[in-house]
Amino acid sequence: MRAIEPHVDAGAYALGVLGQADACRFERHLSECSACVVRVREFGEVVEHLAAYVRLLPPGGAHRAFPWRR
């Protein structure tokens, strides 16, 4: 695992952006750490909300960094 403290990978794991080896190591950690189980569940809710938001974005760049500039 890249992090010295495995707990910091909970968000990356929930987003699905850990590499295969890191994900396997985190899953082993997850089997022993109830705090990380809770964190992954909470991050999972955030991921669902982000996915719903992305689906609502209009096409064509209206969601740029400065959406008020057209």
N, C-alpha and C. Protein backbone atom coordinates (compact mmCIF):
# COMPACT_ATOMS: atom_id res chain seq x y z
N MET A 1 0.86 -1.16 0.00
CA MET A 1 0.00 0.00 0.00
C MET A 1 0.90 1.22 0.00
N ARG A 2 0.60 2.18 -0.78
CA ARG A 2 1.42 3.38 -0.88
C ARG A 2 1.48 4.14 0.44
N ALA A 3 0.36 4.24 1.11
CA ALA A 3 0.29 5.04 2.33
C ALA A 3 0.86 4.28 3.51
N ILE A 4 1.53 5.00 4.37
CA ILE A 4 2.00 4.39 5.62
C ILE A 4 0.79 4.03 6.46
N GLU A 5 -0.18 4.88 6.47
CA GLU A 5 -1.42 4.69 7.21
C GLU A 5 -2.47 4.18 6.23
N PRO A 6 -2.87 2.91 6.30
CA PRO A 6 -3.78 2.35 5.30
C PRO A 6 -5.16 3.01 5.27
N HIS A 7 -5.54 3.67 6.36
CA HIS A 7 -6.86 4.27 6.42
C HIS A 7 -7.07 5.35 5.35
N VAL A 8 -5.99 5.99 4.91
CA VAL A 8 -6.13 7.07 3.94
C VAL A 8 -6.55 6.58 2.56
N ASP A 9 -6.48 5.29 2.31
CA ASP A 9 -6.86 4.76 1.00
C ASP A 9 -8.35 4.45 0.90
N ALA A 10 -9.12 4.70 1.94
CA ALA A 10 -10.55 4.38 1.91
C ALA A 10 -11.27 5.12 0.78
N GLY A 11 -10.99 6.40 0.61
CA GLY A 11 -11.64 7.17 -0.45
C GLY A 11 -11.25 6.67 -1.83
N ALA A 12 -9.97 6.42 -2.03
CA ALA A 12 -9.50 5.92 -3.32
C ALA A 12 -10.11 4.56 -3.62
N TYR A 13 -10.23 3.73 -2.60
CA TYR A 13 -10.84 2.41 -2.78
C TYR A 13 -12.30 2.56 -3.19
N ALA A 14 -13.04 3.43 -2.50
CA ALA A 14 -14.46 3.64 -2.82
C ALA A 14 -14.64 4.18 -4.23
N LEU A 15 -13.71 5.01 -4.68
CA LEU A 15 -13.77 5.55 -6.04
C LEU A 15 -13.32 4.54 -7.09
N GLY A 16 -12.67 3.48 -6.65
CA GLY A 16 -12.19 2.47 -7.58
C GLY A 16 -10.93 2.87 -8.32
N VAL A 17 -10.12 3.73 -7.71
CA VAL A 17 -8.93 4.22 -8.40
C VAL A 17 -7.63 3.62 -7.87
N LEU A 18 -7.71 2.71 -6.91
CA LEU A 18 -6.50 2.03 -6.46
C LEU A 18 -6.08 1.00 -7.50
N GLY A 19 -4.79 0.82 -7.64
CA GLY A 19 -4.31 -0.25 -8.48
C GLY A 19 -4.68 -1.60 -7.88
N GLN A 20 -4.55 -2.64 -8.67
CA GLN A 20 -4.97 -3.97 -8.23
C GLN A 20 -4.25 -4.41 -6.95
N ALA A 21 -2.95 -4.24 -6.90
CA ALA A 21 -2.19 -4.67 -5.72
C ALA A 21 -2.60 -3.86 -4.49
N ASP A 22 -2.74 -2.54 -4.65
CA ASP A 22 -3.14 -1.71 -3.52
C ASP A 22 -4.56 -2.02 -3.08
N ALA A 23 -5.45 -2.29 -4.02
CA ALA A 23 -6.83 -2.64 -3.68
C ALA A 23 -6.86 -3.95 -2.89
N CYS A 24 -6.07 -4.93 -3.30
CA CYS A 24 -6.02 -6.21 -2.57
C CYS A 24 -5.50 -6.01 -1.16
N ARG A 25 -4.44 -5.21 -1.02
CA ARG A 25 -3.90 -4.94 0.32
C ARG A 25 -4.93 -4.20 1.17
N PHE A 26 -5.63 -3.24 0.56
CA PHE A 26 -6.63 -2.50 1.33
C PHE A 26 -7.78 -3.42 1.73
N GLU A 27 -8.18 -4.32 0.86
CA GLU A 27 -9.26 -5.26 1.20
C GLU A 27 -8.86 -6.14 2.38
N ARG A 28 -7.60 -6.55 2.44
CA ARG A 28 -7.14 -7.31 3.61
C ARG A 28 -7.24 -6.44 4.87
N HIS A 29 -6.83 -5.19 4.75
CA HIS A 29 -6.95 -4.26 5.88
C HIS A 29 -8.42 -4.07 6.24
N LEU A 30 -9.27 -3.95 5.24
CA LEU A 30 -10.70 -3.72 5.44
C LEU A 30 -11.34 -4.87 6.22
N SER A 31 -10.85 -6.07 6.02
CA SER A 31 -11.41 -7.22 6.73
C SER A 31 -11.14 -7.17 8.23
N GLU A 32 -10.21 -6.31 8.64
CA GLU A 32 -9.84 -6.21 10.05
C GLU A 32 -10.16 -4.86 10.68
N CYS A 33 -10.64 -3.91 9.89
CA CYS A 33 -10.80 -2.54 10.39
C CYS A 33 -12.23 -2.05 10.19
N SER A 34 -13.00 -2.08 11.26
CA SER A 34 -14.40 -1.65 11.15
C SER A 34 -14.52 -0.15 10.86
N ALA A 35 -13.53 0.64 11.29
CA ALA A 35 -13.56 2.08 10.99
C ALA A 35 -13.47 2.31 9.48
N CYS A 36 -12.64 1.54 8.80
CA CYS A 36 -12.52 1.70 7.35
C CYS A 36 -13.75 1.19 6.62
N VAL A 37 -14.40 0.18 7.17
CA VAL A 37 -15.65 -0.30 6.57
C VAL A 37 -16.66 0.85 6.57
N VAL A 38 -16.73 1.57 7.68
CA VAL A 38 -17.64 2.72 7.77
C VAL A 38 -17.22 3.81 6.79
N ARG A 39 -15.92 4.09 6.72
CA ARG A 39 -15.43 5.13 5.80
C ARG A 39 -15.75 4.78 4.35
N VAL A 40 -15.51 3.54 3.97
CA VAL A 40 -15.80 3.13 2.59
C VAL A 40 -17.29 3.26 2.30
N ARG A 41 -18.12 2.89 3.25
CA ARG A 41 -19.57 3.03 3.08
C ARG A 41 -19.95 4.51 2.91
N GLU A 42 -19.36 5.37 3.72
CA GLU A 42 -19.65 6.81 3.62
C GLU A 42 -19.14 7.37 2.30
N PHE A 43 -17.93 7.01 1.90
CA PHE A 43 -17.41 7.45 0.61
C PHE A 43 -18.27 6.92 -0.53
N GLY A 44 -18.80 5.72 -0.38
CA GLY A 44 -19.67 5.15 -1.40
C GLY A 44 -20.90 6.00 -1.62
N GLU A 45 -21.45 6.57 -0.54
CA GLU A 45 -22.59 7.47 -0.68
C GLU A 45 -22.19 8.73 -1.44
N VAL A 46 -21.00 9.25 -1.17
CA VAL A 46 -20.51 10.43 -1.88
C VAL A 46 -20.33 10.11 -3.36
N VAL A 47 -19.77 8.94 -3.65
CA VAL A 47 -19.57 8.52 -5.04
C VAL A 47 -20.91 8.46 -5.77
N GLU A 48 -21.94 7.94 -5.12
CA GLU A 48 -23.27 7.88 -5.74
C GLU A 48 -23.79 9.28 -6.04
N HIS A 49 -23.61 10.21 -5.12
CA HIS A 49 -24.07 11.59 -5.33
C HIS A 49 -23.29 12.26 -6.47
N LEU A 50 -21.99 12.03 -6.52
CA LEU A 50 -21.18 12.60 -7.60
C LEU A 50 -21.61 12.04 -8.95
N ALA A 51 -21.87 10.75 -9.01
CA ALA A 51 -22.30 10.14 -10.26
C ALA A 51 -23.64 10.71 -10.71
N ALA A 52 -24.54 10.94 -9.77
CA ALA A 52 -25.84 11.53 -10.10
C ALA A 52 -25.65 12.95 -10.61
N TYR A 53 -24.75 13.72 -10.00
CA TYR A 53 -24.49 15.08 -10.43
C TYR A 53 -23.92 15.11 -11.84
N VAL A 54 -22.97 14.23 -12.11
CA VAL A 54 -22.34 14.20 -13.44
C VAL A 54 -23.38 13.91 -14.51
N ARG A 55 -24.33 13.03 -14.21
CA ARG A 55 -25.39 12.73 -15.19
C ARG A 55 -26.26 13.95 -15.46
N LEU A 56 -26.34 14.89 -14.53
CA LEU A 56 -27.17 16.08 -14.70
C LEU A 56 -26.47 17.20 -15.44
N LEU A 57 -25.15 17.12 -15.57
CA LEU A 57 -24.41 18.19 -16.24
C LEU A 57 -24.80 18.27 -17.71
N PRO A 58 -25.03 19.48 -18.20
CA PRO A 58 -25.36 19.63 -19.62
C PRO A 58 -24.12 19.40 -20.49
N PRO A 59 -24.31 18.92 -21.69
CA PRO A 59 -23.17 18.73 -22.59
C PRO A 59 -22.65 20.07 -23.08
N GLY A 60 -21.45 20.08 -23.62
CA GLY A 60 -20.93 21.28 -24.26
C GLY A 60 -20.11 22.19 -23.38
N GLY A 61 -19.67 21.73 -22.24
CA GLY A 61 -18.76 22.53 -21.44
C GLY A 61 -19.41 23.53 -20.51
N ALA A 62 -20.71 23.45 -20.31
CA ALA A 62 -21.37 24.40 -19.40
C ALA A 62 -20.92 24.19 -17.96
N HIS A 63 -20.23 23.12 -17.70
CA HIS A 63 -19.77 22.83 -16.35
C HIS A 63 -18.28 23.14 -16.19
N ARG A 64 -17.78 24.09 -16.97
CA ARG A 64 -16.37 24.47 -16.90
C ARG A 64 -16.01 25.01 -15.52
N ALA A 65 -14.76 25.32 -15.34
CA ALA A 65 -14.29 25.84 -14.06
C ALA A 65 -14.97 27.17 -13.72
N PHE A 66 -15.34 27.95 -14.75
CA PHE A 66 -16.02 29.22 -14.54
C PHE A 66 -17.34 29.19 -15.29
N PRO A 67 -18.34 28.51 -14.77
CA PRO A 67 -19.59 28.34 -15.50
C PRO A 67 -20.33 29.64 -15.78
N TRP A 68 -20.04 30.69 -15.03
CA TRP A 68 -20.73 31.95 -15.27
C TRP A 68 -20.18 32.67 -16.49
N ARG A 69 -19.02 32.27 -16.98
CA ARG A 69 -18.46 32.83 -18.22
C ARG A 69 -18.95 32.01 -19.40
N ARG A 70 -19.69 32.60 -20.25
CA ARG A 70 -20.23 31.87 -21.41
C ARG A 70 -19.58 32.31 -22.69
